[in-house]
Each structure stands twice: as structure tokens, then as C-alpha cells.
C-alpha atoms as a PDB file:
ATOM      1  CA  MET A   1     -56.292  -3.564  -6.597  1.00  0.00           C
ATOM      2  CA  ALA A   2     -54.201  -0.971  -4.783  1.00  0.00           C
ATOM      3  CA  VAL A   3     -55.264  -0.092  -1.258  1.00  0.00           C
ATOM      4  CA  HIS A   4     -56.377   3.429  -2.085  1.00  0.00           C
ATOM      5  CA  GLU A   5     -58.225   2.184  -5.160  1.00  0.00           C
ATOM      6  CA  ALA A   6     -60.315   0.039  -2.787  1.00  0.00           C
ATOM      7  CA  VAL A   7     -61.543   3.267  -1.202  1.00  0.00           C
ATOM      8  CA  ARG A   8     -62.282   4.797  -4.601  1.00  0.00           C
ATOM      9  CA  ALA A   9     -64.100   1.662  -5.752  1.00  0.00           C
ATOM     10  CA  LEU A  10     -66.421   1.541  -2.728  1.00  0.00           C
ATOM     11  CA  GLY A  11     -66.905   5.272  -3.025  1.00  0.00           C
ATOM     12  CA  ARG A  12     -68.070   4.925  -6.620  1.00  0.00           C
ATOM     13  CA  GLU A  13     -70.389   2.070  -5.660  1.00  0.00           C
ATOM     14  CA  LEU A  14     -72.019   3.963  -2.781  1.00  0.00           C
ATOM     15  CA  SER A  15     -71.908   7.450  -4.291  1.00  0.00           C
ATOM     16  CA  ASN A  16     -74.923   9.703  -3.728  1.00  0.00           C
ATOM     17  CA  TRP A  17     -73.604  12.445  -5.993  1.00  0.00           C
ATOM     18  CA  GLY A  18     -76.502  13.933  -7.943  1.00  0.00           C
ATOM     19  CA  ARG A  19     -79.104  11.847  -6.100  1.00  0.00           C
ATOM     20  CA  TRP A  20     -80.747  14.972  -4.672  1.00  0.00           C
ATOM     21  CA  GLY A  21     -79.637  17.382  -7.379  1.00  0.00           C
ATOM     22  CA  ALA A  22     -76.375  18.942  -8.512  1.00  0.00           C
ATOM     23  CA  GLU A  23     -76.468  21.660  -5.833  1.00  0.00           C
ATOM     24  CA  ASP A  24     -77.271  19.439  -2.856  1.00  0.00           C
ATOM     25  CA  GLU A  25     -75.109  19.945   0.249  1.00  0.00           C
ATOM     26  CA  LYS A  26     -77.179  18.015   2.826  1.00  0.00           C
ATOM     27  CA  GLY A  27     -76.365  14.490   1.668  1.00  0.00           C
ATOM     28  CA  CYS A  28     -78.039  11.685   3.577  1.00  0.00           C
ATOM     29  CA  PHE A  29     -79.977  14.122   5.732  1.00  0.00           C
ATOM     30  CA  ASN A  30     -82.326  14.195   2.741  1.00  0.00           C
ATOM     31  CA  HIS A  31     -83.552  10.792   3.955  1.00  0.00           C
ATOM     32  CA  ILE A  32     -85.202  12.593   6.891  1.00  0.00           C
ATOM     33  CA  THR A  33     -88.587  13.533   5.471  1.00  0.00           C
ATOM     34  CA  PRO A  34     -91.373  15.454   7.240  1.00  0.00           C
ATOM     35  CA  ASP A  35     -93.243  12.154   7.638  1.00  0.00           C
ATOM     36  CA  LYS A  36     -90.132  10.641   9.239  1.00  0.00           C
ATOM     37  CA  ILE A  37     -90.010  13.443  11.803  1.00  0.00           C
ATOM     38  CA  VAL A  38     -93.699  13.034  12.648  1.00  0.00           C
ATOM     39  CA  GLU A  39     -93.213   9.296  13.154  1.00  0.00           C
ATOM     40  CA  ALA A  40     -90.156   9.961  15.340  1.00  0.00           C
ATOM     41  CA  GLY A  41     -92.235  12.232  17.552  1.00  0.00           C
ATOM     42  CA  LYS A  42     -94.595   9.338  18.284  1.00  0.00           C
ATOM     43  CA  LEU A  43     -91.717   7.505  20.003  1.00  0.00           C
ATOM     44  CA  ILE A  44     -91.897   9.884  22.964  1.00  0.00           C
ATOM     45  CA  ARG A  45     -93.810   7.920  25.603  1.00  0.00           C
ATOM     46  CA  SER A  46     -92.324   8.613  29.044  1.00  0.00           C
ATOM     47  CA  GLY A  47     -90.710  12.032  28.584  1.00  0.00           C
ATOM     48  CA  LYS A  48     -87.278  10.772  29.663  1.00  0.00           C
ATOM     49  CA  ILE A  49     -84.494  12.920  28.201  1.00  0.00           C
ATOM     50  CA  PHE A  50     -80.882  11.799  27.801  1.00  0.00           C
ATOM     51  CA  SER A  51     -78.144  14.261  26.919  1.00  0.00           C
ATOM     52  CA  LEU A  52     -75.482  12.483  24.870  1.00  0.00           C
ATOM     53  CA  SER A  53     -72.840  15.197  25.193  1.00  0.00           C
ATOM     54  CA  LEU A  54     -69.581  15.286  27.066  1.00  0.00           C
ATOM     55  CA  PRO A  55     -68.993  18.349  29.265  1.00  0.00           C
ATOM     56  CA  LEU A  56     -67.269  21.226  27.489  1.00  0.00           C
ATOM     57  CA  ASP A  57     -64.337  21.576  29.874  1.00  0.00           C
ATOM     58  CA  LEU A  58     -60.592  21.135  30.235  1.00  0.00           C
ATOM     59  CA  ASP A  59     -61.044  17.485  31.239  1.00  0.00           C
ATOM     60  CA  GLY A  60     -62.157  16.566  27.730  1.00  0.00           C
ATOM     61  CA  PRO A  61     -60.686  13.928  25.413  1.00  0.00           C
ATOM     62  CA  GLN A  62     -58.259  16.079  23.440  1.00  0.00           C
ATOM     63  CA  ASP A  63     -54.471  15.876  23.672  1.00  0.00           C
ATOM     64  CA  VAL A  64     -53.044  18.607  21.468  1.00  0.00           C
ATOM     65  CA  ARG A  65     -49.888  16.540  20.881  1.00  0.00           C
ATOM     66  CA  ARG A  66     -51.950  13.651  19.550  1.00  0.00           C
ATOM     67  CA  THR A  67     -54.920  15.327  17.861  1.00  0.00           C
ATOM     68  CA  GLY A  68     -53.852  18.921  17.229  1.00  0.00           C
ATOM     69  CA  ARG A  69     -56.980  20.042  19.080  1.00  0.00           C
ATOM     70  CA  MET A  70     -57.375  21.476  22.545  1.00  0.00           C
ATOM     71  CA  ASN A  71     -60.084  20.988  25.116  1.00  0.00           C
ATOM     72  CA  PRO A  72     -62.586  23.839  25.618  1.00  0.00           C
ATOM     73  CA  VAL A  73     -61.511  26.755  27.803  1.00  0.00           C
ATOM     74  CA  HIS A  74     -64.211  28.575  29.770  1.00  0.00           C
ATOM     75  CA  ARG A  75     -63.400  31.948  31.364  1.00  0.00           C
ATOM     76  CA  MET A  76     -65.451  34.397  33.397  1.00  0.00           C
ATOM     77  CA  ILE A  77     -65.103  38.031  32.287  1.00  0.00           C
ATOM     78  CA  ARG A  78     -67.566  39.507  34.814  1.00  0.00           C
ATOM     79  CA  TYR A  79     -68.367  37.813  38.063  1.00  0.00           C
ATOM     80  CA  GLY A  80     -69.174  38.227  41.736  1.00  0.00           C
ATOM     81  CA  GLY A  81     -67.362  37.021  44.825  1.00  0.00           C
ATOM     82  CA  GLU A  82     -64.055  37.645  46.501  1.00  0.00           C
ATOM     83  CA  GLY A  83     -61.642  39.770  44.530  1.00  0.00           C
ATOM     84  CA  ALA A  84     -63.985  39.896  41.566  1.00  0.00           C
ATOM     85  CA  TYR A  85     -66.121  42.435  39.797  1.00  0.00           C
ATOM     86  CA  GLY A  86     -69.480  42.518  38.131  1.00  0.00           C
ATOM     87  CA  HIS A  87     -71.009  44.894  35.649  1.00  0.00           C
ATOM     88  CA  LYS A  88     -73.196  47.310  37.619  1.00  0.00           C
ATOM     89  CA  MET A  89     -76.274  48.568  35.836  1.00  0.00           C
ATOM     90  CA  GLY A  90     -78.525  50.600  38.071  1.00  0.00           C
ATOM     91  CA  GLU A  91     -79.595  48.441  41.008  1.00  0.00           C
ATOM     92  CA  PHE A  92     -78.136  45.162  39.771  1.00  0.00           C
ATOM     93  CA  CYS A  93     -74.842  43.607  38.717  1.00  0.00           C
ATOM     94  CA  SER A  94     -74.359  40.960  36.053  1.00  0.00           C
ATOM     95  CA  ALA A  95     -71.957  38.146  35.300  1.00  0.00           C
ATOM     96  CA  ASP A  96     -70.609  37.253  31.880  1.00  0.00           C
ATOM     97  CA  ASP A  97     -68.302  34.647  30.416  1.00  0.00           C
ATOM     98  CA  THR A  98     -66.519  33.588  27.258  1.00  0.00           C
ATOM     99  CA  ALA A  99     -65.138  30.375  25.782  1.00  0.00           C
ATOM    100  CA  LEU A 100     -62.329  29.298  23.513  1.00  0.00           C
ATOM    101  CA  LEU A 101     -62.934  25.975  21.827  1.00  0.00           C
ATOM    102  CA  ASP A 102     -62.058  23.969  18.771  1.00  0.00           C
ATOM    103  CA  LEU A 103     -65.362  23.188  17.079  1.00  0.00           C
ATOM    104  CA  GLN A 104     -64.520  19.463  16.963  1.00  0.00           C
ATOM    105  CA  SER A 105     -62.965  19.111  20.394  1.00  0.00           C
ATOM    106  CA  SER A 106     -65.900  17.420  22.135  1.00  0.00           C
ATOM    107  CA  THR A 107     -69.231  15.831  21.189  1.00  0.00           C
ATOM    108  CA  GLN A 108     -69.696  17.074  17.633  1.00  0.00           C
ATOM    109  CA  TRP A 109     -70.836  16.707  14.052  1.00  0.00           C
ATOM    110  CA  ASP A 110     -68.445  16.405  11.138  1.00  0.00           C
ATOM    111  CA  ALA A 111     -69.711  18.468   8.219  1.00  0.00           C
ATOM    112  CA  LEU A 112     -69.347  17.009   4.729  1.00  0.00           C
ATOM    113  CA  SER A 113     -66.513  19.481   4.127  1.00  0.00           C
ATOM    114  CA  HIS A 114     -64.463  18.056   6.991  1.00  0.00           C
ATOM    115  CA  LEU A 115     -62.618  15.420   4.964  1.00  0.00           C
ATOM    116  CA  TRP A 116     -62.175  14.552   1.282  1.00  0.00           C
ATOM    117  CA  TYR A 117     -59.850  12.975  -1.279  1.00  0.00           C
ATOM    118  CA  ASP A 118     -58.926  13.546  -4.920  1.00  0.00           C
ATOM    119  CA  ASP A 119     -59.494  17.306  -4.482  1.00  0.00           C
ATOM    120  CA  THR A 120     -63.282  17.031  -4.385  1.00  0.00           C
ATOM    121  CA  LEU A 121     -65.920  17.230  -1.675  1.00  0.00           C
ATOM    122  CA  TYR A 122     -69.312  15.557  -1.583  1.00  0.00           C
ATOM    123  CA  ASN A 123     -71.370  16.000  -4.761  1.00  0.00           C
ATOM    124  CA  GLY A 124     -68.345  17.144  -6.752  1.00  0.00           C
ATOM    125  CA  PHE A 125     -67.745  20.516  -5.127  1.00  0.00           C
ATOM    126  CA  PRO A 126     -64.072  21.518  -5.377  1.00  0.00           C
ATOM    127  CA  ALA A 127     -61.948  21.209  -2.254  1.00  0.00           C
ATOM    128  CA  SER A 128     -60.449  24.588  -3.218  1.00  0.00           C
ATOM    129  CA  SER A 129     -63.758  26.130  -2.080  1.00  0.00           C
ATOM    130  CA  ILE A 130     -62.523  25.628   1.504  1.00  0.00           C
ATOM    131  CA  THR A 131     -60.353  28.626   2.307  1.00  0.00           C
ATOM    132  CA  ALA A 132     -59.160  30.595   5.330  1.00  0.00           C
ATOM    133  CA  HIS A 133     -62.678  32.048   5.413  1.00  0.00           C
ATOM    134  CA  GLY A 134     -64.243  28.589   5.839  1.00  0.00           C
ATOM    135  CA  ALA A 135     -66.137  26.195   3.594  1.00  0.00           C
ATOM    136  CA  ALA A 136     -68.186  27.724   0.781  1.00  0.00           C
ATOM    137  CA  HIS A 137     -69.894  24.343   0.250  1.00  0.00           C
ATOM    138  CA  CYS A 138     -70.993  21.460   2.495  1.00  0.00           C
ATOM    139  CA  ALA A 139     -70.533  23.394   5.746  1.00  0.00           C
ATOM    140  CA  VAL A 140     -72.712  22.968   8.832  1.00  0.00           C
ATOM    141  CA  GLY A 141     -74.595  26.052   7.680  1.00  0.00           C
ATOM    142  CA  ALA A 142     -76.128  23.905   4.928  1.00  0.00           C
ATOM    143  CA  TRP A 143     -78.267  22.163   7.586  1.00  0.00           C
ATOM    144  CA  LYS A 144     -78.513  24.737  10.374  1.00  0.00           C
ATOM    145  CA  ALA A 145     -82.102  23.663  11.095  1.00  0.00           C
ATOM    146  CA  GLY A 146     -80.488  20.686  12.768  1.00  0.00           C
ATOM    147  CA  VAL A 147     -81.223  17.003  12.821  1.00  0.00           C
ATOM    148  CA  VAL A 148     -84.524  15.586  14.054  1.00  0.00           C
ATOM    149  CA  SER A 149     -85.340  11.956  13.389  1.00  0.00           C
ATOM    150  CA  ARG A 150     -85.707   8.476  14.810  1.00  0.00           C
ATOM    151  CA  GLY A 151     -82.579   7.413  16.660  1.00  0.00           C
ATOM    152  CA  VAL A 152     -81.551   3.774  17.049  1.00  0.00           C
ATOM    153  CA  LEU A 153     -78.911   2.590  19.502  1.00  0.00           C
ATOM    154  CA  LEU A 154     -76.854  -0.452  18.520  1.00  0.00           C
ATOM    155  CA  ASP A 155     -75.041  -1.434  21.712  1.00  0.00           C
ATOM    156  CA  ILE A 156     -72.228  -3.552  20.285  1.00  0.00           C
ATOM    157  CA  ALA A 157     -70.310  -3.780  23.564  1.00  0.00           C
ATOM    158  CA  ALA A 158     -73.323  -5.076  25.505  1.00  0.00           C
ATOM    159  CA  HIS A 159     -74.217  -7.536  22.757  1.00  0.00           C
ATOM    160  CA  ILE A 160     -70.718  -9.012  22.867  1.00  0.00           C
ATOM    161  CA  GLY A 161     -70.875  -9.056  26.671  1.00  0.00           C
ATOM    162  CA  VAL A 162     -68.143  -6.570  27.596  1.00  0.00           C
ATOM    163  CA  SER A 163     -68.117  -3.154  29.236  1.00  0.00           C
ATOM    164  CA  HIS A 164     -66.114  -1.753  26.334  1.00  0.00           C
ATOM    165  CA  LEU A 165     -64.558  -3.053  23.137  1.00  0.00           C
ATOM    166  CA  GLU A 166     -60.825  -3.683  22.978  1.00  0.00           C
ATOM    167  CA  PRO A 167     -58.397  -1.312  21.198  1.00  0.00           C
ATOM    168  CA  ASP A 168     -58.499  -1.637  17.387  1.00  0.00           C
ATOM    169  CA  PHE A 169     -61.640  -3.813  17.555  1.00  0.00           C
ATOM    170  CA  ALA A 170     -63.320  -3.588  14.128  1.00  0.00           C
ATOM    171  CA  ILE A 171     -67.124  -3.774  14.140  1.00  0.00           C
ATOM    172  CA  THR A 172     -68.264  -5.682  11.066  1.00  0.00           C
ATOM    173  CA  PRO A 173     -71.584  -5.560   9.183  1.00  0.00           C
ATOM    174  CA  GLU A 174     -72.356  -9.031  10.574  1.00  0.00           C
ATOM    175  CA  MET A 175     -72.033  -7.649  14.101  1.00  0.00           C
ATOM    176  CA  LEU A 176     -74.451  -4.852  13.271  1.00  0.00           C
ATOM    177  CA  ASP A 177     -76.944  -7.435  11.986  1.00  0.00           C
ATOM    178  CA  ALA A 178     -76.540  -9.599  15.078  1.00  0.00           C
ATOM    179  CA  THR A 179     -76.972  -6.661  17.469  1.00  0.00           C
ATOM    180  CA  GLU A 180     -80.094  -5.522  15.622  1.00  0.00           C
ATOM    181  CA  ALA A 181     -81.609  -8.990  15.938  1.00  0.00           C
ATOM    182  CA  ALA A 182     -80.676  -9.412  19.600  1.00  0.00           C
ATOM    183  CA  GLN A 183     -82.143  -6.026  20.545  1.00  0.00           C
ATOM    184  CA  GLY A 184     -85.314  -6.569  18.524  1.00  0.00           C
ATOM    185  CA  VAL A 185     -84.900  -3.340  16.592  1.00  0.00           C
ATOM    186  CA  LYS A 186     -84.616  -2.627  12.875  1.00  0.00           C
ATOM    187  CA  VAL A 187     -82.681   0.242  11.335  1.00  0.00           C
ATOM    188  CA  GLU A 188     -84.886   2.073   8.829  1.00  0.00           C
ATOM    189  CA  ALA A 189     -84.476   4.757   6.167  1.00  0.00           C
ATOM    190  CA  GLY A 190     -83.812   8.184   7.662  1.00  0.00           C
ATOM    191  CA  ASP A 191     -82.640   6.849  11.034  1.00  0.00           C
ATOM    192  CA  VAL A 192     -79.685   8.222  12.972  1.00  0.00           C
ATOM    193  CA  VAL A 193     -77.735   5.168  14.138  1.00  0.00           C
ATOM    194  CA  LEU A 194     -75.815   5.418  17.425  1.00  0.00           C
ATOM    195  CA  ILE A 195     -72.991   2.892  17.822  1.00  0.00           C
ATOM    196  CA  ARG A 196     -71.906   2.121  21.383  1.00  0.00           C
ATOM    197  CA  THR A 197     -68.399   0.729  21.836  1.00  0.00           C
ATOM    198  CA  GLY A 198     -68.275   1.639  25.539  1.00  0.00           C
ATOM    199  CA  LEU A 199     -64.979   3.466  24.969  1.00  0.00           C
ATOM    200  CA  ILE A 200     -65.740   6.967  26.236  1.00  0.00           C
ATOM    201  CA  GLY A 201     -67.367   5.661  29.407  1.00  0.00           C
ATOM    202  CA  ALA A 202     -64.362   3.413  30.047  1.00  0.00           C
ATOM    203  CA  TRP A 203     -61.980   6.318  29.394  1.00  0.00           C
ATOM    204  CA  ARG A 204     -63.844   8.537  31.868  1.00  0.00           C
ATOM    205  CA  ARG A 205     -63.577   5.759  34.482  1.00  0.00           C
ATOM    206  CA  GLY A 206     -59.836   5.449  33.837  1.00  0.00           C
ATOM    207  CA  GLU A 207     -60.215   1.961  32.322  1.00  0.00           C
ATOM    208  CA  ALA A 208     -59.138   2.767  28.749  1.00  0.00           C
ATOM    209  CA  THR A 209     -57.032   5.196  26.749  1.00  0.00           C
ATOM    210  CA  LEU A 210     -57.899   6.949  23.511  1.00  0.00           C
ATOM    211  CA  ASP A 211     -54.667   6.033  21.734  1.00  0.00           C
ATOM    212  CA  ARG A 212     -56.103   3.032  19.884  1.00  0.00           C
ATOM    213  CA  GLN A 213     -59.852   2.940  19.531  1.00  0.00           C
ATOM    214  CA  PRO A 214     -62.503   0.445  18.424  1.00  0.00           C
ATOM    215  CA  GLY A 215     -65.022   1.422  15.775  1.00  0.00           C
ATOM    216  CA  LEU A 216     -66.743   0.581  12.512  1.00  0.00           C
ATOM    217  CA  ALA A 217     -64.937  -1.411   9.849  1.00  0.00           C
ATOM    218  CA  PHE A 218     -64.689   0.098   6.366  1.00  0.00           C
ATOM    219  CA  GLN A 219     -67.256  -2.352   4.973  1.00  0.00           C
ATOM    220  CA  CYS A 220     -69.982  -0.967   7.289  1.00  0.00           C
ATOM    221  CA  ALA A 221     -70.370   1.910   4.829  1.00  0.00           C
ATOM    222  CA  ARG A 222     -72.238  -0.458   2.497  1.00  0.00           C
ATOM    223  CA  TRP A 223     -74.490  -1.650   5.373  1.00  0.00           C
ATOM    224  CA  LEU A 224     -75.463   1.940   6.176  1.00  0.00           C
ATOM    225  CA  HIS A 225     -75.980   2.822   2.515  1.00  0.00           C
ATOM    226  CA  GLU A 226     -78.292  -0.139   1.924  1.00  0.00           C
ATOM    227  CA  ARG A 227     -80.535   1.069   4.751  1.00  0.00           C
ATOM    228  CA  ASP A 228     -80.561   4.750   3.668  1.00  0.00           C
ATOM    229  CA  VAL A 229     -79.307   5.827   7.093  1.00  0.00           C
ATOM    230  CA  ALA A 230     -79.297   9.608   7.642  1.00  0.00           C
ATOM    231  CA  ALA A 231     -76.249   9.752   9.934  1.00  0.00           C
ATOM    232  CA  VAL A 232     -74.115   7.563  12.166  1.00  0.00           C
ATOM    233  CA  CYS A 233     -72.695   8.549  15.556  1.00  0.00           C
ATOM    234  CA  ALA A 234     -70.448   6.741  18.024  1.00  0.00           C
ATOM    235  CA  ASP A 235     -68.822   7.012  21.437  1.00  0.00           C
ATOM    236  CA  ASN A 236     -65.305   7.260  20.042  1.00  0.00           C
ATOM    237  CA  SER A 237     -63.246   9.923  18.298  1.00  0.00           C
ATOM    238  CA  ALA A 238     -63.782   8.876  14.679  1.00  0.00           C
ATOM    239  CA  VAL A 239     -66.815   6.517  14.421  1.00  0.00           C
ATOM    240  CA  GLU A 240     -64.557   4.091  12.543  1.00  0.00           C
ATOM    241  CA  VAL A 241     -61.690   1.963  13.822  1.00  0.00           C
ATOM    242  CA  LEU A 242     -58.616   3.965  12.896  1.00  0.00           C
ATOM    243  CA  GLN A 243     -56.436   0.904  12.324  1.00  0.00           C
ATOM    244  CA  GLN A 244     -58.573  -0.566   9.563  1.00  0.00           C
ATOM    245  CA  PRO A 245     -57.942  -4.219   8.693  1.00  0.00           C
ATOM    246  CA  ASP A 246     -56.527  -5.298   5.314  1.00  0.00           C
ATOM    247  CA  GLY A 247     -54.032  -2.448   5.191  1.00  0.00           C
ATOM    248  CA  LEU A 248     -56.631   0.185   4.346  1.00  0.00           C
ATOM    249  CA  PRO A 249     -55.542   3.814   4.805  1.00  0.00           C
ATOM    250  CA  LEU A 250     -56.272   6.023   7.784  1.00  0.00           C
ATOM    251  CA  CYS A 251     -59.848   7.372   7.768  1.00  0.00           C
ATOM    252  CA  SER A 252     -60.900   5.190   4.833  1.00  0.00           C
ATOM    253  CA  PHE A 253     -64.474   4.989   6.210  1.00  0.00           C
ATOM    254  CA  HIS A 254     -64.532   8.779   6.585  1.00  0.00           C
ATOM    255  CA  MET A 255     -63.485   9.169   2.969  1.00  0.00           C
ATOM    256  CA  VAL A 256     -66.370   7.109   1.629  1.00  0.00           C
ATOM    257  CA  ALA A 257     -68.965   8.298   4.159  1.00  0.00           C
ATOM    258  CA  LEU A 258     -68.368  12.047   3.963  1.00  0.00           C
ATOM    259  CA  ARG A 259     -67.058  12.533   0.445  1.00  0.00           C
ATOM    260  CA  ASP A 260     -68.980   9.900  -1.526  1.00  0.00           C
ATOM    261  CA  MET A 261     -72.132   9.050   0.417  1.00  0.00           C
ATOM    262  CA  GLY A 262     -72.763  12.434   2.023  1.00  0.00           C
ATOM    263  CA  LEU A 263     -73.218  10.623   5.343  1.00  0.00           C
ATOM    264  CA  MET A 264     -72.745  12.888   8.341  1.00  0.00           C
ATOM    265  CA  LEU A 265     -70.714  11.551  11.271  1.00  0.00           C
ATOM    266  CA  GLY A 266     -71.200  12.315  14.966  1.00  0.00           C
ATOM    267  CA  GLU A 267     -68.261  11.675  17.276  1.00  0.00           C
ATOM    268  CA  LEU A 268     -67.547  11.494  21.013  1.00  0.00           C
ATOM    269  CA  TYR A 269     -71.173  10.814  21.938  1.00  0.00           C
ATOM    270  CA  LEU A 270     -71.843   9.821  25.544  1.00  0.00           C
ATOM    271  CA  LEU A 271     -74.091   6.762  25.318  1.00  0.00           C
ATOM    272  CA  ASP A 272     -73.792   4.809  28.569  1.00  0.00           C
ATOM    273  CA  GLU A 273     -76.809   6.260  30.415  1.00  0.00           C
ATOM    274  CA  LEU A 274     -79.017   5.851  27.365  1.00  0.00           C
ATOM    275  CA  ALA A 275     -77.736   2.297  26.860  1.00  0.00           C
ATOM    276  CA  ALA A 276     -78.562   1.344  30.448  1.00  0.00           C
ATOM    277  CA  ASP A 277     -82.121   2.619  30.041  1.00  0.00           C
ATOM    278  CA  CYS A 278     -82.560   0.807  26.719  1.00  0.00           C
ATOM    279  CA  ALA A 279     -81.368  -2.436  28.299  1.00  0.00           C
ATOM    280  CA  ALA A 280     -83.802  -1.941  31.186  1.00  0.00           C
ATOM    281  CA  ASP A 281     -86.930  -1.356  29.096  1.00  0.00           C
ATOM    282  CA  GLY A 282     -85.920  -3.155  25.908  1.00  0.00           C
ATOM    283  CA  VAL A 283     -86.625  -0.079  23.765  1.00  0.00           C
ATOM    284  CA  TYR A 284     -83.727   0.881  21.506  1.00  0.00           C
ATOM    285  CA  ALA A 285     -85.494   3.407  19.235  1.00  0.00           C
ATOM    286  CA  PHE A 286     -86.290   6.952  20.348  1.00  0.00           C
ATOM    287  CA  PHE A 287     -86.789  10.546  19.269  1.00  0.00           C
ATOM    288  CA  PHE A 288     -83.412  12.090  18.443  1.00  0.00           C
ATOM    289  CA  THR A 289     -82.420  15.702  17.930  1.00  0.00           C
ATOM    290  CA  ALA A 290     -79.011  17.327  17.478  1.00  0.00           C
ATOM    291  CA  ALA A 291     -78.668  20.856  16.078  1.00  0.00           C
ATOM    292  CA  PRO A 292     -75.202  22.214  15.237  1.00  0.00           C
ATOM    293  CA  LEU A 293     -74.220  25.742  16.190  1.00  0.00           C
ATOM    294  CA  PRO A 294     -75.104  27.872  13.153  1.00  0.00           C
ATOM    295  CA  PHE A 295     -71.620  28.871  12.048  1.00  0.00           C
ATOM    296  CA  PRO A 296     -72.249  29.501   8.338  1.00  0.00           C
ATOM    297  CA  ARG A 297     -68.915  28.195   6.954  1.00  0.00           C
ATOM    298  CA  ALA A 298     -67.746  25.776   9.659  1.00  0.00           C
ATOM    299  CA  VAL A 299     -66.562  22.243   8.851  1.00  0.00           C
ATOM    300  CA  GLY A 300     -67.772  20.870  12.185  1.00  0.00           C
ATOM    301  CA  SER A 301     -69.731  21.910  15.240  1.00  0.00           C
ATOM    302  CA  PRO A 302     -70.178  21.107  18.923  1.00  0.00           C
ATOM    303  CA  VAL A 303     -73.597  19.687  19.698  1.00  0.00           C
ATOM    304  CA  ASN A 304     -75.685  18.600  22.668  1.00  0.00           C
ATOM    305  CA  PRO A 305     -77.603  15.634  21.186  1.00  0.00           C
ATOM    306  CA  LEU A 306     -80.787  14.549  22.949  1.00  0.00           C
ATOM    307  CA  ALA A 307     -82.479  11.165  22.971  1.00  0.00           C
ATOM    308  CA  ILE A 308     -86.075  11.376  24.236  1.00  0.00           C
ATOM    309  CA  LYS A 309     -88.123   8.268  25.089  1.00  0.00           C
END
């Protein structure tokens, strides 16, 4: 079997095309039912809130030479202080600001239109429907109400006993099983699974680079499919390990997850504070919410995900 045919074969096996109708553009978010949201709300016990987002600033993880993306630029257009001006309206002045940002430059969701192969998007929509005007199908606008569900943290780095996983470390399905068992938590249908490699925290401390990153192995797609997971997020740039074992192509997990399964991916999540709290109280499931910015035709969106315990 050729390498790329391995991707096609797993894609056919795990395909959700037509599962929720021929016009569906939400994919695995359909696993999040109203009952699932009500049950997730019952996980709020202490009122502790954890933001899982990186700051939107110039110190972000992008290197335009490596990724083609730039870090967010924030600029004041009206302001007070020395040498500045505000907008005077009657008895008061006001400040105002603007931002320039790539929609996938920081903590973000990939829409199902972000990546594809064989000229087709999730559920068979043509890739030609993505034009200079944006994505006509499978954009973030298809689920602008956001994501609200039960979140489950799988702290792979802590389970292995390291502060962060090594470059190119591939997380296998067996490791997901072992971490579940050790933490005493079970991933259920409709859950948003958060994978902690420890990478972003290590990078912010100057202990790691983002050139070669750990992440999920290709075969984890089957593990997530079997559990009817709604989405998977991680504290790295691509959720998956970019240097997949067995000679698989770049972004092979993305291909199957986004294009075949309709599984949304969240990237560059900041998980260390949440992980420390979960280790302290032994509770690894929580209320999770993460709404994209409602750009109707965007293929990705910044997000400030919240875990509430």
C-alpha cells in the first residue's frame, strides 16, 4: 500500500460523510446534544475558570519564515497621554484601537475547510467552493453558536513523568488509554478532548523550540472516532506530530480528521494552569466552552477557550 493510500484507506474507514445528512457542515460537533450540554453544566462545582488562550501579541508562536503567518499586531488609533490624542465628544474623550491578525496565528480552531485532499472537503463539498471570498462550505460560520460541552484533559506529559514531551514524540492510542486509566477519567461521546504535551509552556519558559513538535500519531484518529469525540485540542501547533512515523505524509492526521471525519481541531491551547489544578484535585473533566469569532466564510478563528470547574 502506498503511503498516501494509507491516508485514503483510514479516511474511508472513519468517514462520517452523510452520517448527519448530505448538507451537514458541522461534522463531529453533532455529537454535542442538548442533553450533553446540560450534563456538562453539572460539572461546575467550584466556579474556577481557566482561560486556555495565549495572549494575542507580538510575542506569539508564529515565525513568518517558518509558518507563513505573523503574530497579532495591536495598535491604538485614539488614546490619551503624552503626545497622544483622544476623540473628544462633549465633556469626555475616548480611546480606540485596532488589530491586524492572521486568524490562525494564536489559540484557534481549524474549520473543516482548512485542509483537504483529492479536491474535496468534508462531506463531499468541492474544494473549488473555497475562493478569494472565503469558504462557501464548512467555514466557522457553520457553527457560530460555538462549542459547549464536557471537556476532558489527557495530560500525556505528566503521565509519562516529564515537563514536556520531546521533539517528534508520537502519542499513540495506547498512551491515550494509559493516561485515561491513570487519571481515572473516561472519554465519552460528545467530549472535547484536550491533549497536553507540555510544549507551549516549555516554549514560553525558553526550554523548547517549535521547530519539531510532539503530538498525536496518525492512528489516534481511530481512537477518537470510536469514542465519538466532538473535537480534539492540543498545546502544540498542529495537534498531531508533524513528523509522522512510518513515512506518512505531512498533516496525515489533519487529512483524515478534518476531511473525512469532520473532526474539528483546536491548536496552541495553553493547558499548564488547568493541568496543575486537575493534578491537585484529581478532577480531569470540566465544563468547556470555545466560541469562534463569527466570520461567515473563514477557514479558522481565534478563540479564548474556557474550562470551568
